[in-house]
Amino acid sequence: SPTLMKELDALKDFDPRAVERVFISTRTHILIDSHQLIDGILEAEASSNSIGTTKRGIGPCYASKSIRNGLRFGDLLHIDRFEEKLRELVRWSQKRYGEPMENDSPSQLLLRQCLRNYDTRQAFDPENGAKGGVGSIDEEVARYREFARILREQIVDSVTFMHEDIGRGSRVLVEGANAALLDIDFGTYPFVTSSNTTIGGVCTGL
């Protein structure tokens, strides 16, 4: 979500109404900073068996979705409940990944410490803290409250939204970002992404 907001902000000079042209499904899961920290911890742990993750938190975000403690854009429409769920998810992450382990590398120890303190600014840029992130869970909550204010009118029930557009004769263009061999089920597992990139993903993605 911070990345999305940065991209929308960067479009302002090109199109001041850029935000109004973007609609986000209530079912879309939100990738938060702790997902990125967990991704870094797990990738370092894999060592020689590393699968080459981007460390952007995509795998841990899908894990949250599967174990049903994830956050969705629809939750932003009920911001007080969103705050509760966000804090619960961070506590869950800290409990499972925040404590140092015997064979941790220096980078893992730093990431675990940042997760315990929820200081993602230090995790993203240990020397200067200048590459994004937040210094506390309260900052994270405040950031998402602002995102909710900006995006409130753009968060929609995508099923109804597209059904109505198709009923008016509109055509739907689906963009795929990854090739078939990265599909979680049909690709070269485990060297794959976390979703279905083959044609079946069109239906579940919409």
C-alpha atoms as a PDB file:
ATOM      1  CA  SER A   1       0.000   0.000   0.000  1.00  0.00           C
ATOM      2  CA  PRO A   2       2.792   2.534   0.676  1.00  0.00           C
ATOM      3  CA  THR A   3       4.209   1.624  -2.742  1.00  0.00           C
ATOM      4  CA  LEU A   4       0.802   2.134  -4.366  1.00  0.00           C
ATOM      5  CA  MET A   5       0.452   5.542  -2.725  1.00  0.00           C
ATOM      6  CA  LYS A   6       3.932   6.574  -3.884  1.00  0.00           C
ATOM      7  CA  GLU A   7       3.103   5.578  -7.452  1.00  0.00           C
ATOM      8  CA  LEU A   8      -0.193   7.479  -7.384  1.00  0.00           C
ATOM      9  CA  ASP A   9       1.561  10.522  -5.947  1.00  0.00           C
ATOM     10  CA  ALA A  10       4.186  10.353  -8.690  1.00  0.00           C
ATOM     11  CA  LEU A  11       1.404  10.486 -11.304  1.00  0.00           C
ATOM     12  CA  LYS A  12      -0.060  13.738  -9.980  1.00  0.00           C
ATOM     13  CA  ASP A  13       1.943  15.970 -12.312  1.00  0.00           C
ATOM     14  CA  PHE A  14       0.941  13.833 -15.295  1.00  0.00           C
ATOM     15  CA  ASP A  15      -2.695  13.413 -14.249  1.00  0.00           C
ATOM     16  CA  PRO A  16      -4.055  15.269 -11.185  1.00  0.00           C
ATOM     17  CA  ARG A  17      -7.036  12.885 -11.205  1.00  0.00           C
ATOM     18  CA  ALA A  18      -4.946   9.701 -11.236  1.00  0.00           C
ATOM     19  CA  VAL A  19      -6.365   8.461  -7.924  1.00  0.00           C
ATOM     20  CA  GLU A  20      -9.922   8.814  -9.240  1.00  0.00           C
ATOM     21  CA  ARG A  21      -9.099   6.448 -12.123  1.00  0.00           C
ATOM     22  CA  VAL A  22      -7.927   3.612  -9.878  1.00  0.00           C
ATOM     23  CA  PHE A  23     -10.392   1.208  -8.270  1.00  0.00           C
ATOM     24  CA  ILE A  24      -9.274  -1.410  -5.757  1.00  0.00           C
ATOM     25  CA  SER A  25     -11.197  -4.531  -4.827  1.00  0.00           C
ATOM     26  CA  THR A  26     -12.349  -4.828  -1.229  1.00  0.00           C
ATOM     27  CA  ARG A  27     -10.861  -8.352  -1.372  1.00  0.00           C
ATOM     28  CA  THR A  28      -7.329  -7.222  -2.252  1.00  0.00           C
ATOM     29  CA  HIS A  29      -4.862  -8.122   0.472  1.00  0.00           C
ATOM     30  CA  ILE A  30      -2.597  -5.451   1.942  1.00  0.00           C
ATOM     31  CA  LEU A  31       1.130  -6.088   2.162  1.00  0.00           C
ATOM     32  CA  ILE A  32       2.479  -4.346   5.280  1.00  0.00           C
ATOM     33  CA  ASP A  33       6.061  -3.704   6.372  1.00  0.00           C
ATOM     34  CA  SER A  34       6.220  -6.741   8.665  1.00  0.00           C
ATOM     35  CA  HIS A  35       5.656  -8.991   5.646  1.00  0.00           C
ATOM     36  CA  GLN A  36       8.853  -7.613   4.119  1.00  0.00           C
ATOM     37  CA  LEU A  37      10.818  -8.157   7.318  1.00  0.00           C
ATOM     38  CA  ILE A  38       9.599 -11.762   7.560  1.00  0.00           C
ATOM     39  CA  ASP A  39      10.510 -12.319   3.906  1.00  0.00           C
ATOM     40  CA  GLY A  40      14.063 -11.155   4.596  1.00  0.00           C
ATOM     41  CA  ILE A  41      14.344 -13.323   7.718  1.00  0.00           C
ATOM     42  CA  LEU A  42      13.137 -16.460   5.912  1.00  0.00           C
ATOM     43  CA  GLU A  43      15.259 -15.873   2.821  1.00  0.00           C
ATOM     44  CA  ALA A  44      18.413 -15.506   4.929  1.00  0.00           C
ATOM     45  CA  GLU A  45      17.434 -18.648   6.832  1.00  0.00           C
ATOM     46  CA  ALA A  46      17.198 -20.612   3.580  1.00  0.00           C
ATOM     47  CA  SER A  47      20.915 -19.910   2.816  1.00  0.00           C
ATOM     48  CA  SER A  48      21.987 -22.346   0.078  1.00  0.00           C
ATOM     49  CA  ASN A  49      18.377 -23.391  -0.523  1.00  0.00           C
ATOM     50  CA  SER A  50      17.301 -19.833  -1.246  1.00  0.00           C
ATOM     51  CA  ILE A  51      14.601 -19.543  -3.931  1.00  0.00           C
ATOM     52  CA  GLY A  52      15.597 -15.999  -4.845  1.00  0.00           C
ATOM     53  CA  THR A  53      12.668 -14.087  -3.391  1.00  0.00           C
ATOM     54  CA  THR A  54      12.485 -10.354  -4.106  1.00  0.00           C
ATOM     55  CA  LYS A  55      12.185  -9.748  -0.316  1.00  0.00           C
ATOM     56  CA  ARG A  56       9.186  -7.538  -0.995  1.00  0.00           C
ATOM     57  CA  GLY A  57       6.994  -9.564   1.366  1.00  0.00           C
ATOM     58  CA  ILE A  58       4.779 -11.195  -1.253  1.00  0.00           C
ATOM     59  CA  GLY A  59       5.125 -14.745   0.091  1.00  0.00           C
ATOM     60  CA  PRO A  60       4.403 -13.794   3.722  1.00  0.00           C
ATOM     61  CA  CYS A  61       1.440 -11.694   2.560  1.00  0.00           C
ATOM     62  CA  TYR A  62      -0.013 -14.743   0.773  1.00  0.00           C
ATOM     63  CA  ALA A  63       0.688 -16.770   3.921  1.00  0.00           C
ATOM     64  CA  SER A  64      -1.395 -14.284   5.930  1.00  0.00           C
ATOM     65  CA  LYS A  65      -4.158 -14.696   3.369  1.00  0.00           C
ATOM     66  CA  SER A  66      -4.067 -18.492   3.663  1.00  0.00           C
ATOM     67  CA  ILE A  67      -4.052 -18.631   7.455  1.00  0.00           C
ATOM     68  CA  ARG A  68      -6.776 -15.977   7.469  1.00  0.00           C
ATOM     69  CA  ASN A  69      -5.191 -13.268   9.563  1.00  0.00           C
ATOM     70  CA  GLY A  70      -4.474 -10.969   6.613  1.00  0.00           C
ATOM     71  CA  LEU A  71      -5.669  -7.415   6.056  1.00  0.00           C
ATOM     72  CA  ARG A  72      -7.789  -6.479   3.044  1.00  0.00           C
ATOM     73  CA  PHE A  73      -8.586  -3.131   1.468  1.00  0.00           C
ATOM     74  CA  GLY A  74     -12.198  -3.576   2.507  1.00  0.00           C
ATOM     75  CA  ASP A  75     -10.988  -3.420   6.116  1.00  0.00           C
ATOM     76  CA  LEU A  76      -9.878   0.175   5.508  1.00  0.00           C
ATOM     77  CA  LEU A  77     -13.540   1.136   5.207  1.00  0.00           C
ATOM     78  CA  HIS A  78     -13.893   0.267   8.912  1.00  0.00           C
ATOM     79  CA  ILE A  79     -10.739   1.930  10.171  1.00  0.00           C
ATOM     80  CA  ASP A  80     -11.095   1.281  13.906  1.00  0.00           C
ATOM     81  CA  ARG A  81     -11.504  -2.447  13.307  1.00  0.00           C
ATOM     82  CA  PHE A  82      -8.645  -2.240  10.789  1.00  0.00           C
ATOM     83  CA  GLU A  83      -6.383  -0.840  13.507  1.00  0.00           C
ATOM     84  CA  GLU A  84      -7.257  -3.736  15.809  1.00  0.00           C
ATOM     85  CA  LYS A  85      -6.524  -6.293  13.071  1.00  0.00           C
ATOM     86  CA  LEU A  86      -3.276  -4.565  12.118  1.00  0.00           C
ATOM     87  CA  ARG A  87      -2.022  -4.605  15.688  1.00  0.00           C
ATOM     88  CA  GLU A  88      -3.079  -8.261  16.058  1.00  0.00           C
ATOM     89  CA  LEU A  89      -1.201  -9.214  12.879  1.00  0.00           C
ATOM     90  CA  VAL A  90       1.947  -7.412  14.001  1.00  0.00           C
ATOM     91  CA  ARG A  91       1.805  -9.094  17.440  1.00  0.00           C
ATOM     92  CA  TRP A  92       1.381 -12.468  15.716  1.00  0.00           C
ATOM     93  CA  SER A  93       4.399 -11.752  13.494  1.00  0.00           C
ATOM     94  CA  GLN A  94       6.538 -10.597  16.420  1.00  0.00           C
ATOM     95  CA  LYS A  95       5.695 -13.709  18.431  1.00  0.00           C
ATOM     96  CA  ARG A  96       6.672 -16.075  15.614  1.00  0.00           C
ATOM     97  CA  TYR A  97       9.594 -14.282  13.979  1.00  0.00           C
ATOM     98  CA  GLY A  98      10.800 -11.608  16.388  1.00  0.00           C
ATOM     99  CA  GLU A  99      12.919 -13.620  18.817  1.00  0.00           C
ATOM    100  CA  PRO A 100      16.589 -14.306  17.933  1.00  0.00           C
ATOM    101  CA  MET A 101      17.548 -17.847  16.971  1.00  0.00           C
ATOM    102  CA  GLU A 102      20.802 -19.644  17.699  1.00  0.00           C
ATOM    103  CA  ASN A 103      22.149 -19.692  14.141  1.00  0.00           C
ATOM    104  CA  ASP A 104      20.923 -16.272  13.026  1.00  0.00           C
ATOM    105  CA  SER A 105      23.121 -14.220  10.731  1.00  0.00           C
ATOM    106  CA  PRO A 106      23.766 -10.541  11.596  1.00  0.00           C
ATOM    107  CA  SER A 107      21.179  -9.483   9.007  1.00  0.00           C
ATOM    108  CA  GLN A 108      18.572 -11.801  10.531  1.00  0.00           C
ATOM    109  CA  LEU A 109      19.271 -10.509  14.031  1.00  0.00           C
ATOM    110  CA  LEU A 110      18.771  -6.946  12.816  1.00  0.00           C
ATOM    111  CA  LEU A 111      15.520  -7.794  11.039  1.00  0.00           C
ATOM    112  CA  ARG A 112      14.171  -9.627  14.090  1.00  0.00           C
ATOM    113  CA  GLN A 113      15.070  -6.678  16.317  1.00  0.00           C
ATOM    114  CA  CYS A 114      13.347  -4.279  13.918  1.00  0.00           C
ATOM    115  CA  LEU A 115      10.289  -6.515  13.909  1.00  0.00           C
ATOM    116  CA  ARG A 116      10.195  -6.638  17.725  1.00  0.00           C
ATOM    117  CA  ASN A 117      10.425  -2.847  17.878  1.00  0.00           C
ATOM    118  CA  TYR A 118       8.400  -2.406  14.700  1.00  0.00           C
ATOM    119  CA  ASP A 119      11.063  -0.014  13.459  1.00  0.00           C
ATOM    120  CA  THR A 120      10.890  -0.784   9.762  1.00  0.00           C
ATOM    121  CA  ARG A 121      12.684   2.452   8.895  1.00  0.00           C
ATOM    122  CA  GLN A 122      15.869   1.001  10.377  1.00  0.00           C
ATOM    123  CA  ALA A 123      15.281  -2.353   8.681  1.00  0.00           C
ATOM    124  CA  PHE A 124      14.980  -0.788   5.218  1.00  0.00           C
ATOM    125  CA  ASP A 125      17.991   1.490   5.709  1.00  0.00           C
ATOM    126  CA  PRO A 126      20.104   0.562   8.778  1.00  0.00           C
ATOM    127  CA  GLU A 127      22.528   3.473   8.325  1.00  0.00           C
ATOM    128  CA  ASN A 128      20.293   6.436   7.541  1.00  0.00           C
ATOM    129  CA  GLY A 129      16.668   5.308   7.882  1.00  0.00           C
ATOM    130  CA  ALA A 130      15.882   7.199   4.692  1.00  0.00           C
ATOM    131  CA  LYS A 131      14.269   4.537   2.497  1.00  0.00           C
ATOM    132  CA  GLY A 132      10.734   4.502   3.818  1.00  0.00           C
ATOM    133  CA  GLY A 133       9.154   2.536   6.609  1.00  0.00           C
ATOM    134  CA  VAL A 134       7.943   3.661  10.026  1.00  0.00           C
ATOM    135  CA  GLY A 135       9.487   3.995  13.478  1.00  0.00           C
ATOM    136  CA  SER A 136       6.645   2.412  15.446  1.00  0.00           C
ATOM    137  CA  ILE A 137       3.335   0.585  15.181  1.00  0.00           C
ATOM    138  CA  ASP A 138       1.546   3.839  16.012  1.00  0.00           C
ATOM    139  CA  GLU A 139       3.133   5.466  12.960  1.00  0.00           C
ATOM    140  CA  GLU A 140       1.970   2.520  10.861  1.00  0.00           C
ATOM    141  CA  VAL A 141      -1.596   2.936  12.122  1.00  0.00           C
ATOM    142  CA  ALA A 142      -1.524   6.679  11.389  1.00  0.00           C
ATOM    143  CA  ARG A 143      -0.196   6.032   7.893  1.00  0.00           C
ATOM    144  CA  TYR A 144      -3.028   3.646   7.060  1.00  0.00           C
ATOM    145  CA  ARG A 145      -5.627   6.008   8.479  1.00  0.00           C
ATOM    146  CA  GLU A 146      -4.418   8.558   5.936  1.00  0.00           C
ATOM    147  CA  PHE A 147      -4.436   5.970   3.137  1.00  0.00           C
ATOM    148  CA  ALA A 148      -8.015   5.083   4.073  1.00  0.00           C
ATOM    149  CA  ARG A 149      -9.037   8.737   3.856  1.00  0.00           C
ATOM    150  CA  ILE A 150      -7.524   9.137   0.383  1.00  0.00           C
ATOM    151  CA  LEU A 151      -8.731   5.822  -1.064  1.00  0.00           C
ATOM    152  CA  ARG A 152     -12.176   5.503   0.540  1.00  0.00           C
ATOM    153  CA  GLU A 153     -14.107   6.236  -2.676  1.00  0.00           C
ATOM    154  CA  GLN A 154     -11.825   4.012  -4.772  1.00  0.00           C
ATOM    155  CA  ILE A 155     -12.342   0.786  -2.787  1.00  0.00           C
ATOM    156  CA  VAL A 156     -15.140  -1.200  -4.445  1.00  0.00           C
ATOM    157  CA  ASP A 157     -16.786  -4.600  -4.656  1.00  0.00           C
ATOM    158  CA  SER A 158     -14.966  -5.646  -7.821  1.00  0.00           C
ATOM    159  CA  VAL A 159     -17.446  -8.396  -8.739  1.00  0.00           C
ATOM    160  CA  THR A 160     -20.380  -5.979  -8.858  1.00  0.00           C
ATOM    161  CA  PHE A 161     -18.219  -3.229 -10.387  1.00  0.00           C
ATOM    162  CA  MET A 162     -17.135  -5.357 -13.367  1.00  0.00           C
ATOM    163  CA  HIS A 163     -20.492  -7.128 -13.746  1.00  0.00           C
ATOM    164  CA  GLU A 164     -22.206  -3.765 -14.182  1.00  0.00           C
ATOM    165  CA  ASP A 165     -19.556  -2.568 -16.654  1.00  0.00           C
ATOM    166  CA  ILE A 166     -19.807  -5.763 -18.703  1.00  0.00           C
ATOM    167  CA  GLY A 167     -23.592  -5.323 -18.686  1.00  0.00           C
ATOM    168  CA  ARG A 168     -23.057  -1.917 -20.302  1.00  0.00           C
ATOM    169  CA  GLY A 169     -21.025  -3.525 -23.067  1.00  0.00           C
ATOM    170  CA  SER A 170     -17.549  -2.839 -21.706  1.00  0.00           C
ATOM    171  CA  ARG A 171     -14.676  -5.216 -22.386  1.00  0.00           C
ATOM    172  CA  VAL A 172     -12.265  -6.367 -19.677  1.00  0.00           C
ATOM    173  CA  LEU A 173      -8.516  -6.454 -20.289  1.00  0.00           C
ATOM    174  CA  VAL A 174      -6.598  -8.644 -17.828  1.00  0.00           C
ATOM    175  CA  GLU A 175      -2.898  -7.977 -17.351  1.00  0.00           C
ATOM    176  CA  GLY A 176      -0.543 -10.784 -16.379  1.00  0.00           C
ATOM    177  CA  ALA A 177       2.813  -9.894 -14.831  1.00  0.00           C
ATOM    178  CA  ASN A 178       4.507 -13.322 -14.747  1.00  0.00           C
ATOM    179  CA  ALA A 179       4.995 -16.223 -17.142  1.00  0.00           C
ATOM    180  CA  ALA A 180       3.548 -19.735 -16.780  1.00  0.00           C
ATOM    181  CA  LEU A 181       6.641 -21.317 -15.222  1.00  0.00           C
ATOM    182  CA  LEU A 182       6.257 -18.985 -12.241  1.00  0.00           C
ATOM    183  CA  ASP A 183       2.784 -20.364 -11.440  1.00  0.00           C
ATOM    184  CA  ILE A 184       2.651 -21.647  -7.851  1.00  0.00           C
ATOM    185  CA  ASP A 185       0.973 -24.926  -8.956  1.00  0.00           C
ATOM    186  CA  PHE A 186       2.147 -25.505 -12.537  1.00  0.00           C
ATOM    187  CA  GLY A 187       5.521 -23.763 -12.563  1.00  0.00           C
ATOM    188  CA  THR A 188       9.047 -24.895 -11.692  1.00  0.00           C
ATOM    189  CA  TYR A 189       8.280 -25.249  -7.979  1.00  0.00           C
ATOM    190  CA  PRO A 190       9.763 -24.068  -5.618  1.00  0.00           C
ATOM    191  CA  PHE A 191      11.255 -21.420  -7.907  1.00  0.00           C
ATOM    192  CA  VAL A 192       7.895 -19.780  -8.478  1.00  0.00           C
ATOM    193  CA  THR A 193       5.847 -16.808  -7.343  1.00  0.00           C
ATOM    194  CA  SER A 194       3.071 -17.052  -4.758  1.00  0.00           C
ATOM    195  CA  SER A 195       0.046 -17.018  -7.068  1.00  0.00           C
ATOM    196  CA  ASN A 196      -1.483 -18.626 -10.166  1.00  0.00           C
ATOM    197  CA  THR A 197      -0.056 -16.852 -13.189  1.00  0.00           C
ATOM    198  CA  THR A 198      -1.628 -19.225 -15.750  1.00  0.00           C
ATOM    199  CA  ILE A 199      -5.093 -18.701 -17.250  1.00  0.00           C
ATOM    200  CA  GLY A 200      -6.996 -20.006 -14.206  1.00  0.00           C
ATOM    201  CA  GLY A 201      -5.720 -17.028 -12.247  1.00  0.00           C
ATOM    202  CA  VAL A 202      -7.892 -14.765 -14.400  1.00  0.00           C
ATOM    203  CA  CYS A 203     -11.076 -16.089 -12.822  1.00  0.00           C
ATOM    204  CA  THR A 204      -9.854 -16.182  -9.227  1.00  0.00           C
ATOM    205  CA  GLY A 205      -8.111 -12.832  -9.635  1.00  0.00           C
ATOM    206  CA  LEU A 206     -11.258 -11.098 -10.811  1.00  0.00           C
END
